[in-house]
Full PDB file with SEQRES, HELIX, SHEET, SSBOND, CRYST1, ORIGX, SCALE, CONECT and MASTER records, all heavy atoms in Angstrom:
SEQRES   1 A   36  VAL VAL ARG ASP GLU ALA GLY GLU ARG LEU TYR ARG TYR          
SEQRES   2 A   36  ARG ARG PRO GLU ALA GLY HIS CYS HIS TYR LEU LEU CYS          
SEQRES   3 A   36  ARG ARG CYS ARG ARG HIS GLU PRO LEU ASP                      
SHEET    1 AA1 2 VAL A   2  ARG A   3  0                                        
SHEET    2 AA1 2 ARG A   9  LEU A  10 -1                                        
SHEET    1 AA2 2 HIS A  22  LEU A  25  0                                        
SHEET    2 AA2 2 HIS A  32  LEU A  35 -1                                        
CRYST1    1.000    1.000    1.000  90.00  90.00  90.00 P 1           1          
ORIGX1      1.000000  0.000000  0.000000        0.00000                         
ORIGX2      0.000000  1.000000  0.000000        0.00000                         
ORIGX3      0.000000  0.000000  1.000000        0.00000                         
SCALE1      1.000000  0.000000  0.000000        0.00000                         
SCALE2      0.000000  1.000000  0.000000        0.00000                         
SCALE3      0.000000  0.000000  1.000000        0.00000                         
ATOM      1  N   VAL A   1     -30.950 -21.103 -17.573  1.00  0.00           N  
ATOM      2  CA  VAL A   1     -30.748 -20.062 -18.567  1.00  0.00           C  
ATOM      3  C   VAL A   1     -29.287 -20.059 -18.996  1.00  0.00           C  
ATOM      4  O   VAL A   1     -28.384 -20.150 -18.167  1.00  0.00           O  
ATOM      5  CB  VAL A   1     -31.115 -18.673 -18.011  1.00  0.00           C  
ATOM      6  CG1 VAL A   1     -30.894 -17.598 -19.060  1.00  0.00           C  
ATOM      7  CG2 VAL A   1     -32.557 -18.656 -17.531  1.00  0.00           C  
ATOM      8  N   VAL A   2     -29.080 -19.975 -20.300  1.00  0.00           N  
ATOM      9  CA  VAL A   2     -27.745 -19.767 -20.866  1.00  0.00           C  
ATOM     10  C   VAL A   2     -27.886 -18.640 -21.880  1.00  0.00           C  
ATOM     11  O   VAL A   2     -28.991 -18.258 -22.256  1.00  0.00           O  
ATOM     12  CB  VAL A   2     -27.188 -21.046 -21.549  1.00  0.00           C  
ATOM     13  CG1 VAL A   2     -26.973 -22.153 -20.543  1.00  0.00           C  
ATOM     14  CG2 VAL A   2     -28.083 -21.505 -22.680  1.00  0.00           C  
ATOM     15  N   ARG A   3     -26.771 -18.103 -22.299  1.00  0.00           N  
ATOM     16  CA  ARG A   3     -26.787 -17.076 -23.344  1.00  0.00           C  
ATOM     17  C   ARG A   3     -26.096 -17.638 -24.576  1.00  0.00           C  
ATOM     18  O   ARG A   3     -25.072 -18.298 -24.465  1.00  0.00           O  
ATOM     19  CB  ARG A   3     -26.068 -15.818 -22.871  1.00  0.00           C  
ATOM     20  CG  ARG A   3     -26.827 -15.085 -21.794  1.00  0.00           C  
ATOM     21  CD  ARG A   3     -26.117 -13.782 -21.444  1.00  0.00           C  
ATOM     22  NE  ARG A   3     -26.716 -13.147 -20.317  1.00  0.00           N  
ATOM     23  CZ  ARG A   3     -27.668 -12.225 -20.403  1.00  0.00           C  
ATOM     24  NH1 ARG A   3     -28.106 -11.841 -21.572  1.00  0.00           N  
ATOM     25  NH2 ARG A   3     -28.188 -11.690 -19.326  1.00  0.00           N  
ATOM     26  N   ASP A   4     -26.677 -17.302 -25.723  1.00  0.00           N  
ATOM     27  CA  ASP A   4     -26.004 -17.706 -26.948  1.00  0.00           C  
ATOM     28  C   ASP A   4     -24.902 -16.690 -27.245  1.00  0.00           C  
ATOM     29  O   ASP A   4     -24.693 -15.745 -26.487  1.00  0.00           O  
ATOM     30  CB  ASP A   4     -26.983 -17.885 -28.116  1.00  0.00           C  
ATOM     31  CG  ASP A   4     -27.625 -16.594 -28.606  1.00  0.00           C  
ATOM     32  OD1 ASP A   4     -27.181 -15.490 -28.199  1.00  0.00           O  
ATOM     33  OD2 ASP A   4     -28.571 -16.682 -29.410  1.00  0.00           O  
ATOM     34  N   GLU A   5     -24.193 -16.890 -28.326  1.00  0.00           N  
ATOM     35  CA  GLU A   5     -23.045 -16.049 -28.636  1.00  0.00           C  
ATOM     36  C   GLU A   5     -23.423 -14.591 -28.860  1.00  0.00           C  
ATOM     37  O   GLU A   5     -22.633 -13.684 -28.628  1.00  0.00           O  
ATOM     38  CB  GLU A   5     -22.319 -16.607 -29.859  1.00  0.00           C  
ATOM     39  CG  GLU A   5     -20.877 -16.190 -29.909  1.00  0.00           C  
ATOM     40  CD  GLU A   5     -20.144 -16.953 -30.985  1.00  0.00           C  
ATOM     41  OE1 GLU A   5     -20.577 -16.910 -32.137  1.00  0.00           O  
ATOM     42  OE2 GLU A   5     -19.137 -17.581 -30.646  1.00  0.00           O  
ATOM     43  N   ALA A   6     -24.663 -14.346 -29.278  1.00  0.00           N  
ATOM     44  CA  ALA A   6     -25.132 -12.977 -29.497  1.00  0.00           C  
ATOM     45  C   ALA A   6     -25.647 -12.347 -28.205  1.00  0.00           C  
ATOM     46  O   ALA A   6     -26.030 -11.185 -28.195  1.00  0.00           O  
ATOM     47  CB  ALA A   6     -26.228 -12.966 -30.556  1.00  0.00           C  
ATOM     48  N   GLY A   7     -25.652 -13.120 -27.112  1.00  0.00           N  
ATOM     49  CA  GLY A   7     -26.098 -12.603 -25.824  1.00  0.00           C  
ATOM     50  C   GLY A   7     -27.562 -12.847 -25.525  1.00  0.00           C  
ATOM     51  O   GLY A   7     -28.053 -12.457 -24.470  1.00  0.00           O  
ATOM     52  N   GLU A   8     -28.275 -13.490 -26.438  1.00  0.00           N  
ATOM     53  CA  GLU A   8     -29.691 -13.759 -26.206  1.00  0.00           C  
ATOM     54  C   GLU A   8     -29.845 -14.844 -25.143  1.00  0.00           C  
ATOM     55  O   GLU A   8     -29.131 -15.840 -25.149  1.00  0.00           O  
ATOM     56  CB  GLU A   8     -30.377 -14.206 -27.496  1.00  0.00           C  
ATOM     57  CG  GLU A   8     -31.861 -14.455 -27.313  1.00  0.00           C  
ATOM     58  CD  GLU A   8     -32.575 -14.784 -28.609  1.00  0.00           C  
ATOM     59  OE1 GLU A   8     -31.910 -15.091 -29.613  1.00  0.00           O  
ATOM     60  OE2 GLU A   8     -33.808 -14.729 -28.610  1.00  0.00           O  
ATOM     61  N   ARG A   9     -30.788 -14.647 -24.251  1.00  0.00           N  
ATOM     62  CA  ARG A   9     -31.052 -15.612 -23.200  1.00  0.00           C  
ATOM     63  C   ARG A   9     -31.863 -16.768 -23.771  1.00  0.00           C  
ATOM     64  O   ARG A   9     -32.861 -16.570 -24.450  1.00  0.00           O  
ATOM     65  CB  ARG A   9     -31.801 -14.952 -22.047  1.00  0.00           C  
ATOM     66  CG  ARG A   9     -30.984 -13.851 -21.390  1.00  0.00           C  
ATOM     67  CD  ARG A   9     -31.790 -13.037 -20.415  1.00  0.00           C  
ATOM     68  NE  ARG A   9     -32.101 -13.757 -19.203  1.00  0.00           N  
ATOM     69  CZ  ARG A   9     -31.277 -13.918 -18.171  1.00  0.00           C  
ATOM     70  NH1 ARG A   9     -30.075 -13.396 -18.225  1.00  0.00           N  
ATOM     71  NH2 ARG A   9     -31.636 -14.583 -17.108  1.00  0.00           N  
ATOM     72  N   LEU A  10     -31.412 -17.977 -23.474  1.00  0.00           N  
ATOM     73  CA  LEU A  10     -32.101 -19.197 -23.884  1.00  0.00           C  
ATOM     74  C   LEU A  10     -32.535 -19.928 -22.618  1.00  0.00           C  
ATOM     75  O   LEU A  10     -31.777 -20.015 -21.655  1.00  0.00           O  
ATOM     76  CB  LEU A  10     -31.176 -20.085 -24.713  1.00  0.00           C  
ATOM     77  CG  LEU A  10     -30.541 -19.439 -25.944  1.00  0.00           C  
ATOM     78  CD1 LEU A  10     -29.537 -20.391 -26.586  1.00  0.00           C  
ATOM     79  CD2 LEU A  10     -31.604 -19.012 -26.941  1.00  0.00           C  
ATOM     80  N   TYR A  11     -33.732 -20.475 -22.630  1.00  0.00           N  
ATOM     81  CA  TYR A  11     -34.323 -21.077 -21.445  1.00  0.00           C  
ATOM     82  C   TYR A  11     -34.608 -22.562 -21.669  1.00  0.00           C  
ATOM     83  O   TYR A  11     -34.939 -22.982 -22.768  1.00  0.00           O  
ATOM     84  CB  TYR A  11     -35.654 -20.391 -21.106  1.00  0.00           C  
ATOM     85  CG  TYR A  11     -35.510 -18.922 -20.829  1.00  0.00           C  
ATOM     86  CD1 TYR A  11     -35.518 -17.989 -21.867  1.00  0.00           C  
ATOM     87  CD2 TYR A  11     -35.364 -18.457 -19.532  1.00  0.00           C  
ATOM     88  CE1 TYR A  11     -35.384 -16.629 -21.608  1.00  0.00           C  
ATOM     89  CE2 TYR A  11     -35.225 -17.097 -19.270  1.00  0.00           C  
ATOM     90  CZ  TYR A  11     -35.241 -16.202 -20.310  1.00  0.00           C  
ATOM     91  OH  TYR A  11     -35.107 -14.865 -20.056  1.00  0.00           O  
ATOM     92  N   ARG A  12     -34.502 -23.323 -20.594  1.00  0.00           N  
ATOM     93  CA  ARG A  12     -34.875 -24.738 -20.609  1.00  0.00           C  
ATOM     94  C   ARG A  12     -35.500 -25.042 -19.261  1.00  0.00           C  
ATOM     95  O   ARG A  12     -34.999 -24.615 -18.218  1.00  0.00           O  
ATOM     96  CB  ARG A  12     -33.671 -25.640 -20.837  1.00  0.00           C  
ATOM     97  CG  ARG A  12     -34.058 -27.116 -21.021  1.00  0.00           C  
ATOM     98  CD  ARG A  12     -32.830 -27.986 -21.219  1.00  0.00           C  
ATOM     99  NE  ARG A  12     -32.060 -28.052 -20.013  1.00  0.00           N  
ATOM    100  CZ  ARG A  12     -32.235 -28.975 -19.057  1.00  0.00           C  
ATOM    101  NH1 ARG A  12     -33.137 -29.895 -19.174  1.00  0.00           N  
ATOM    102  NH2 ARG A  12     -31.478 -28.961 -17.991  1.00  0.00           N  
ATOM    103  N   TYR A  13     -36.591 -25.778 -19.284  1.00  0.00           N  
ATOM    104  CA  TYR A  13     -37.256 -26.152 -18.046  1.00  0.00           C  
ATOM    105  C   TYR A  13     -36.312 -27.012 -17.209  1.00  0.00           C  
ATOM    106  O   TYR A  13     -35.687 -27.934 -17.719  1.00  0.00           O  
ATOM    107  CB  TYR A  13     -38.542 -26.912 -18.355  1.00  0.00           C  
ATOM    108  CG  TYR A  13     -39.290 -27.341 -17.128  1.00  0.00           C  
ATOM    109  CD1 TYR A  13     -39.934 -26.409 -16.330  1.00  0.00           C  
ATOM    110  CD2 TYR A  13     -39.342 -28.680 -16.771  1.00  0.00           C  
ATOM    111  CE1 TYR A  13     -40.617 -26.801 -15.196  1.00  0.00           C  
ATOM    112  CE2 TYR A  13     -40.029 -29.081 -15.641  1.00  0.00           C  
ATOM    113  CZ  TYR A  13     -40.656 -28.143 -14.849  1.00  0.00           C  
ATOM    114  OH  TYR A  13     -41.327 -28.539 -13.722  1.00  0.00           O  
ATOM    115  N   ARG A  14     -36.204 -26.681 -15.955  1.00  0.00           N  
ATOM    116  CA  ARG A  14     -35.341 -27.450 -15.056  1.00  0.00           C  
ATOM    117  C   ARG A  14     -36.165 -28.543 -14.409  1.00  0.00           C  
ATOM    118  O   ARG A  14     -37.098 -28.270 -13.672  1.00  0.00           O  
ATOM    119  CB  ARG A  14     -34.736 -26.561 -13.972  1.00  0.00           C  
ATOM    120  CG  ARG A  14     -33.803 -27.342 -13.053  1.00  0.00           C  
ATOM    121  CD  ARG A  14     -33.234 -26.520 -11.943  1.00  0.00           C  
ATOM    122  NE  ARG A  14     -32.397 -25.463 -12.482  1.00  0.00           N  
ATOM    123  CZ  ARG A  14     -32.036 -24.402 -11.786  1.00  0.00           C  
ATOM    124  NH1 ARG A  14     -32.430 -24.243 -10.557  1.00  0.00           N  
ATOM    125  NH2 ARG A  14     -31.285 -23.472 -12.335  1.00  0.00           N  
ATOM    126  N   ARG A  15     -35.809 -29.768 -14.709  1.00  0.00           N  
ATOM    127  CA  ARG A  15     -36.489 -30.903 -14.075  1.00  0.00           C  
ATOM    128  C   ARG A  15     -36.182 -30.851 -12.589  1.00  0.00           C  
ATOM    129  O   ARG A  15     -35.038 -30.575 -12.197  1.00  0.00           O  
ATOM    130  CB  ARG A  15     -36.001 -32.224 -14.633  1.00  0.00           C  
ATOM    131  CG  ARG A  15     -36.417 -32.659 -16.054  1.00  0.00           C  
ATOM    132  CD  ARG A  15     -37.081 -31.660 -16.851  1.00  0.00           C  
ATOM    133  NE  ARG A  15     -37.520 -32.095 -18.167  1.00  0.00           N  
ATOM    134  CZ  ARG A  15     -37.562 -31.270 -19.180  1.00  0.00           C  
ATOM    135  NH1 ARG A  15     -37.136 -30.045 -19.077  1.00  0.00           N  
ATOM    136  NH2 ARG A  15     -38.044 -31.657 -20.320  1.00  0.00           N  
ATOM    137  N   PRO A  16     -37.169 -31.108 -11.722  1.00  0.00           N  
ATOM    138  CA  PRO A  16     -36.959 -30.988 -10.268  1.00  0.00           C  
ATOM    139  C   PRO A  16     -35.762 -31.781  -9.755  1.00  0.00           C  
ATOM    140  O   PRO A  16     -35.058 -31.336  -8.862  1.00  0.00           O  
ATOM    141  CB  PRO A  16     -38.266 -31.520  -9.681  1.00  0.00           C  
ATOM    142  CG  PRO A  16     -39.278 -31.322 -10.757  1.00  0.00           C  
ATOM    143  CD  PRO A  16     -38.536 -31.466 -12.057  1.00  0.00           C  
ATOM    144  N   GLU A  17     -35.495 -32.929 -10.364  1.00  0.00           N  
ATOM    145  CA  GLU A  17     -34.376 -33.756  -9.898  1.00  0.00           C  
ATOM    146  C   GLU A  17     -33.021 -33.200 -10.331  1.00  0.00           C  
ATOM    147  O   GLU A  17     -31.985 -33.595  -9.808  1.00  0.00           O  
ATOM    148  CB  GLU A  17     -34.532 -35.199 -10.385  1.00  0.00           C  
ATOM    149  CG  GLU A  17     -34.414 -35.396 -11.890  1.00  0.00           C  
ATOM    150  CD  GLU A  17     -35.683 -35.077 -12.686  1.00  0.00           C  
ATOM    151  OE1 GLU A  17     -36.708 -34.690 -12.104  1.00  0.00           O  
ATOM    152  OE2 GLU A  17     -35.627 -35.228 -13.919  1.00  0.00           O  
ATOM    153  N   ALA A  18     -33.010 -32.272 -11.276  1.00  0.00           N  
ATOM    154  CA  ALA A  18     -31.745 -31.767 -11.820  1.00  0.00           C  
ATOM    155  C   ALA A  18     -31.028 -30.824 -10.864  1.00  0.00           C  
ATOM    156  O   ALA A  18     -29.808 -30.820 -10.798  1.00  0.00           O  
ATOM    157  CB  ALA A  18     -31.989 -31.065 -13.151  1.00  0.00           C  
ATOM    158  N   GLY A  19     -31.761 -30.001 -10.139  1.00  0.00           N  
ATOM    159  CA  GLY A  19     -31.121 -29.033  -9.264  1.00  0.00           C  
ATOM    160  C   GLY A  19     -30.325 -28.020 -10.070  1.00  0.00           C  
ATOM    161  O   GLY A  19     -30.456 -27.904 -11.279  1.00  0.00           O  
ATOM    162  N   HIS A  20     -29.469 -27.265  -9.384  1.00  0.00           N  
ATOM    163  CA  HIS A  20     -28.648 -26.240 -10.027  1.00  0.00           C  
ATOM    164  C   HIS A  20     -27.624 -26.911 -10.928  1.00  0.00           C  
ATOM    165  O   HIS A  20     -26.942 -27.836 -10.527  1.00  0.00           O  
ATOM    166  CB  HIS A  20     -27.953 -25.404  -8.943  1.00  0.00           C  
ATOM    167  CG  HIS A  20     -27.086 -24.330  -9.489  1.00  0.00           C  
ATOM    168  ND1 HIS A  20     -27.590 -23.192 -10.082  1.00  0.00           N  
ATOM    169  CD2 HIS A  20     -25.747 -24.221  -9.538  1.00  0.00           C  
ATOM    170  CE1 HIS A  20     -26.597 -22.437 -10.466  1.00  0.00           C  
ATOM    171  NE2 HIS A  20     -25.468 -23.029 -10.153  1.00  0.00           N  
ATOM    172  N   CYS A  21     -27.520 -26.436 -12.157  1.00  0.00           N  
ATOM    173  CA  CYS A  21     -26.631 -27.087 -13.115  1.00  0.00           C  
ATOM    174  C   CYS A  21     -26.030 -26.051 -14.056  1.00  0.00           C  
ATOM    175  O   CYS A  21     -26.620 -25.010 -14.306  1.00  0.00           O  
ATOM    176  CB  CYS A  21     -27.428 -28.117 -13.919  1.00  0.00           C  
ATOM    177  SG  CYS A  21     -26.406 -29.261 -14.839  1.00  0.00           S  
ATOM    178  N   HIS A  22     -24.840 -26.341 -14.546  1.00  0.00           N  
ATOM    179  CA  HIS A  22     -24.202 -25.542 -15.594  1.00  0.00           C  
ATOM    180  C   HIS A  22     -24.063 -26.439 -16.820  1.00  0.00           C  
ATOM    181  O   HIS A  22     -23.991 -27.655 -16.709  1.00  0.00           O  
ATOM    182  CB  HIS A  22     -22.822 -25.066 -15.139  1.00  0.00           C  
ATOM    183  CG  HIS A  22     -22.879 -24.156 -13.963  1.00  0.00           C  
ATOM    184  ND1 HIS A  22     -23.293 -22.853 -14.053  1.00  0.00           N  
ATOM    185  CD2 HIS A  22     -22.587 -24.377 -12.657  1.00  0.00           C  
ATOM    186  CE1 HIS A  22     -23.239 -22.294 -12.861  1.00  0.00           C  
ATOM    187  NE2 HIS A  22     -22.820 -23.201 -11.997  1.00  0.00           N  
ATOM    188  N   TYR A  23     -24.001 -25.794 -17.992  1.00  0.00           N  
ATOM    189  CA  TYR A  23     -24.004 -26.553 -19.237  1.00  0.00           C  
ATOM    190  C   TYR A  23     -22.902 -26.107 -20.171  1.00  0.00           C  
ATOM    191  O   TYR A  23     -22.485 -24.961 -20.160  1.00  0.00           O  
ATOM    192  CB  TYR A  23     -25.346 -26.348 -19.973  1.00  0.00           C  
ATOM    193  CG  TYR A  23     -26.513 -26.846 -19.197  1.00  0.00           C  
ATOM    194  CD1 TYR A  23     -27.195 -25.989 -18.330  1.00  0.00           C  
ATOM    195  CD2 TYR A  23     -26.930 -28.158 -19.304  1.00  0.00           C  
ATOM    196  CE1 TYR A  23     -28.263 -26.440 -17.596  1.00  0.00           C  
ATOM    197  CE2 TYR A  23     -28.005 -28.622 -18.572  1.00  0.00           C  
ATOM    198  CZ  TYR A  23     -28.665 -27.755 -17.716  1.00  0.00           C  
ATOM    199  OH  TYR A  23     -29.722 -28.209 -16.992  1.00  0.00           O  
ATOM    200  N   LEU A  24     -22.484 -27.034 -21.024  1.00  0.00           N  
ATOM    201  CA  LEU A  24     -21.663 -26.742 -22.190  1.00  0.00           C  
ATOM    202  C   LEU A  24     -22.643 -26.746 -23.357  1.00  0.00           C  
ATOM    203  O   LEU A  24     -23.360 -27.723 -23.568  1.00  0.00           O  
ATOM    204  CB  LEU A  24     -20.586 -27.798 -22.376  1.00  0.00           C  
ATOM    205  CG  LEU A  24     -19.692 -27.666 -23.593  1.00  0.00           C  
ATOM    206  CD1 LEU A  24     -18.977 -26.322 -23.592  1.00  0.00           C  
ATOM    207  CD2 LEU A  24     -18.687 -28.799 -23.618  1.00  0.00           C  
ATOM    208  N   LEU A  25     -22.715 -25.635 -24.103  1.00  0.00           N  
ATOM    209  CA  LEU A  25     -23.728 -25.445 -25.132  1.00  0.00           C  
ATOM    210  C   LEU A  25     -23.072 -25.284 -26.493  1.00  0.00           C  
ATOM    211  O   LEU A  25     -22.145 -24.490 -26.654  1.00  0.00           O  
ATOM    212  CB  LEU A  25     -24.541 -24.179 -24.801  1.00  0.00           C  
ATOM    213  CG  LEU A  25     -25.618 -23.757 -25.779  1.00  0.00           C  
ATOM    214  CD1 LEU A  25     -26.812 -24.706 -25.697  1.00  0.00           C  
ATOM    215  CD2 LEU A  25     -26.062 -22.331 -25.466  1.00  0.00           C  
ATOM    216  N   CYS A  26     -23.571 -26.037 -27.486  1.00  0.00           N  
ATOM    217  CA  CYS A  26     -23.087 -25.877 -28.857  1.00  0.00           C  
ATOM    218  C   CYS A  26     -23.702 -24.616 -29.444  1.00  0.00           C  
ATOM    219  O   CYS A  26     -24.920 -24.438 -29.417  1.00  0.00           O  
ATOM    220  CB  CYS A  26     -23.452 -27.090 -29.715  1.00  0.00           C  
ATOM    221  SG  CYS A  26     -22.903 -26.897 -31.439  1.00  0.00           S  
ATOM    222  N   ARG A  27     -22.846 -23.751 -29.965  1.00  0.00           N  
ATOM    223  CA  ARG A  27     -23.320 -22.493 -30.552  1.00  0.00           C  
ATOM    224  C   ARG A  27     -24.093 -22.701 -31.842  1.00  0.00           C  
ATOM    225  O   ARG A  27     -24.828 -21.825 -32.269  1.00  0.00           O  
ATOM    226  CB  ARG A  27     -22.144 -21.564 -30.812  1.00  0.00           C  
ATOM    227  CG  ARG A  27     -21.509 -21.024 -29.551  1.00  0.00           C  
ATOM    228  CD  ARG A  27     -20.458 -19.979 -29.858  1.00  0.00           C  
ATOM    229  NE  ARG A  27     -19.355 -20.475 -30.635  1.00  0.00           N  
ATOM    230  CZ  ARG A  27     -18.178 -20.850 -30.114  1.00  0.00           C  
ATOM    231  NH1 ARG A  27     -17.972 -20.785 -28.825  1.00  0.00           N  
ATOM    232  NH2 ARG A  27     -17.215 -21.270 -30.898  1.00  0.00           N  
ATOM    233  N   ARG A  28     -23.941 -23.834 -32.476  1.00  0.00           N  
ATOM    234  CA  ARG A  28     -24.621 -24.063 -33.752  1.00  0.00           C  
ATOM    235  C   ARG A  28     -25.958 -24.774 -33.581  1.00  0.00           C  
ATOM    236  O   ARG A  28     -26.975 -24.293 -34.064  1.00  0.00           O  
ATOM    237  CB  ARG A  28     -23.738 -24.872 -34.690  1.00  0.00           C  
ATOM    238  CG  ARG A  28     -22.533 -24.101 -35.146  1.00  0.00           C  
ATOM    239  CD  ARG A  28     -21.759 -24.881 -36.179  1.00  0.00           C  
ATOM    240  NE  ARG A  28     -20.536 -24.168 -36.517  1.00  0.00           N  
ATOM    241  CZ  ARG A  28     -19.558 -24.706 -37.193  1.00  0.00           C  
ATOM    242  NH1 ARG A  28     -19.632 -25.941 -37.604  1.00  0.00           N  
ATOM    243  NH2 ARG A  28     -18.480 -23.997 -37.455  1.00  0.00           N  
ATOM    244  N   CYS A  29     -25.982 -25.902 -32.911  1.00  0.00           N  
ATOM    245  CA  CYS A  29     -27.207 -26.704 -32.848  1.00  0.00           C  
ATOM    246  C   CYS A  29     -27.885 -26.669 -31.486  1.00  0.00           C  
ATOM    247  O   CYS A  29     -28.965 -27.214 -31.329  1.00  0.00           O  
ATOM    248  CB  CYS A  29     -26.907 -28.149 -33.217  1.00  0.00           C  
ATOM    249  SG  CYS A  29     -25.929 -29.047 -31.975  1.00  0.00           S  
ATOM    250  N   ARG A  30     -27.247 -26.043 -30.512  1.00  0.00           N  
ATOM    251  CA  ARG A  30     -27.750 -25.917 -29.140  1.00  0.00           C  
ATOM    252  C   ARG A  30     -27.742 -27.230 -28.363  1.00  0.00           C  
ATOM    253  O   ARG A  30     -28.387 -27.341 -27.336  1.00  0.00           O  
ATOM    254  CB  ARG A  30     -29.138 -25.301 -29.098  1.00  0.00           C  
ATOM    255  CG  ARG A  30     -29.135 -23.872 -29.544  1.00  0.00           C  
ATOM    256  CD  ARG A  30     -30.419 -23.206 -29.181  1.00  0.00           C  
ATOM    257  NE  ARG A  30     -30.463 -21.886 -29.786  1.00  0.00           N  
ATOM    258  CZ  ARG A  30     -31.541 -21.203 -29.953  1.00  0.00           C  
ATOM    259  NH1 ARG A  30     -32.687 -21.688 -29.561  1.00  0.00           N  
ATOM    260  NH2 ARG A  30     -31.508 -20.023 -30.503  1.00  0.00           N  
ATOM    261  N   ARG A  31     -27.047 -28.217 -28.879  1.00  0.00           N  
ATOM    262  CA  ARG A  31     -26.859 -29.430 -28.089  1.00  0.00           C  
ATOM    263  C   ARG A  31     -26.216 -28.990 -26.783  1.00  0.00           C  
ATOM    264  O   ARG A  31     -25.348 -28.120 -26.767  1.00  0.00           O  
ATOM    265  CB  ARG A  31     -25.955 -30.404 -28.830  1.00  0.00           C  
ATOM    266  CG  ARG A  31     -25.663 -31.645 -28.042  1.00  0.00           C  
ATOM    267  CD  ARG A  31     -24.839 -32.634 -28.881  1.00  0.00           C  
ATOM    268  NE  ARG A  31     -24.454 -33.725 -28.050  1.00  0.00           N  
ATOM    269  CZ  ARG A  31     -23.194 -34.039 -27.751  1.00  0.00           C  
ATOM    270  NH1 ARG A  31     -22.209 -33.342 -28.281  1.00  0.00           N  
ATOM    271  NH2 ARG A  31     -22.926 -35.041 -26.953  1.00  0.00           N  
ATOM    272  N   HIS A  32     -26.645 -29.586 -25.684  1.00  0.00           N  
ATOM    273  CA  HIS A  32     -26.096 -29.163 -24.409  1.00  0.00           C  
ATOM    274  C   HIS A  32     -25.810 -30.372 -23.542  1.00  0.00           C  
ATOM    275  O   HIS A  32     -26.472 -31.402 -23.641  1.00  0.00           O  
ATOM    276  CB  HIS A  32     -27.039 -28.195 -23.692  1.00  0.00           C  
ATOM    277  CG  HIS A  32     -28.409 -28.758 -23.458  1.00  0.00           C  
ATOM    278  ND1 HIS A  32     -29.366 -28.764 -24.433  1.00  0.00           N  
ATOM    279  CD2 HIS A  32     -28.957 -29.328 -22.376  1.00  0.00           C  
ATOM    280  CE1 HIS A  32     -30.464 -29.314 -23.954  1.00  0.00           C  
ATOM    281  NE2 HIS A  32     -30.251 -29.667 -22.706  1.00  0.00           N  
ATOM    282  N   GLU A  33     -24.785 -30.218 -22.736  1.00  0.00           N  
ATOM    283  CA  GLU A  33     -24.396 -31.271 -21.810  1.00  0.00           C  
ATOM    284  C   GLU A  33     -24.195 -30.654 -20.435  1.00  0.00           C  
ATOM    285  O   GLU A  33     -23.508 -29.639 -20.302  1.00  0.00           O  
ATOM    286  CB  GLU A  33     -23.091 -31.921 -22.259  1.00  0.00           C  
ATOM    287  CG  GLU A  33     -23.213 -32.647 -23.567  1.00  0.00           C  
ATOM    288  CD  GLU A  33     -21.959 -33.440 -23.907  1.00  0.00           C  
ATOM    289  OE1 GLU A  33     -21.174 -33.754 -22.992  1.00  0.00           O  
ATOM    290  OE2 GLU A  33     -21.794 -33.740 -25.092  1.00  0.00           O  
ATOM    291  N   PRO A  34     -24.813 -31.257 -19.415  1.00  0.00           N  
ATOM    292  CA  PRO A  34     -24.565 -30.761 -18.060  1.00  0.00           C  
ATOM    293  C   PRO A  34     -23.110 -31.026 -17.681  1.00  0.00           C  
ATOM    294  O   PRO A  34     -22.506 -31.998 -18.121  1.00  0.00           O  
ATOM    295  CB  PRO A  34     -25.528 -31.562 -17.190  1.00  0.00           C  
ATOM    296  CG  PRO A  34     -25.933 -32.735 -18.009  1.00  0.00           C  
ATOM    297  CD  PRO A  34     -25.713 -32.392 -19.451  1.00  0.00           C  
ATOM    298  N   LEU A  35     -22.556 -30.137 -16.889  1.00  0.00           N  
ATOM    299  CA  LEU A  35     -21.161 -30.244 -16.495  1.00  0.00           C  
ATOM    300  C   LEU A  35     -21.036 -30.567 -15.010  1.00  0.00           C  
ATOM    301  O   LEU A  35     -21.852 -30.125 -14.208  1.00  0.00           O  
ATOM    302  CB  LEU A  35     -20.436 -28.923 -16.766  1.00  0.00           C  
ATOM    303  CG  LEU A  35     -20.405 -28.465 -18.209  1.00  0.00           C  
ATOM    304  CD1 LEU A  35     -19.841 -27.058 -18.289  1.00  0.00           C  
ATOM    305  CD2 LEU A  35     -19.594 -29.426 -19.055  1.00  0.00           C  
ATOM    306  N   ASP A  36     -20.007 -31.288 -14.661  1.00  0.00           N  
ATOM    307  CA  ASP A  36     -19.672 -31.511 -13.260  1.00  0.00           C  
ATOM    308  C   ASP A  36     -18.901 -30.274 -12.813  1.00  0.00           C  
ATOM    309  O   ASP A  36     -17.752 -30.072 -13.193  1.00  0.00           O  
ATOM    310  CB  ASP A  36     -18.818 -32.766 -13.108  1.00  0.00           C  
ATOM    311  CG  ASP A  36     -18.391 -33.006 -11.669  1.00  0.00           C  
ATOM    312  OD1 ASP A  36     -18.860 -32.289 -10.759  1.00  0.00           O  
ATOM    313  OD2 ASP A  36     -17.579 -33.922 -11.450  1.00  0.00           O  
TER     314      ASP A  36                                                      
MASTER        0    0    0    0    4    0    0    6  313    1    0    3          
END                                                                             
C-alpha cells in the first residue's frame, strides 16, 4: 500500500517472493520502483 498525493490509498498485490518492500512512486503515472 502507498498513498498518492491526495492521501488516497493505492494497492498492489505483493508477489510472495517480494516480501516487505518500499517504493518510489510517480505522482503522475504511478510508475513505481522498489527501493533498497
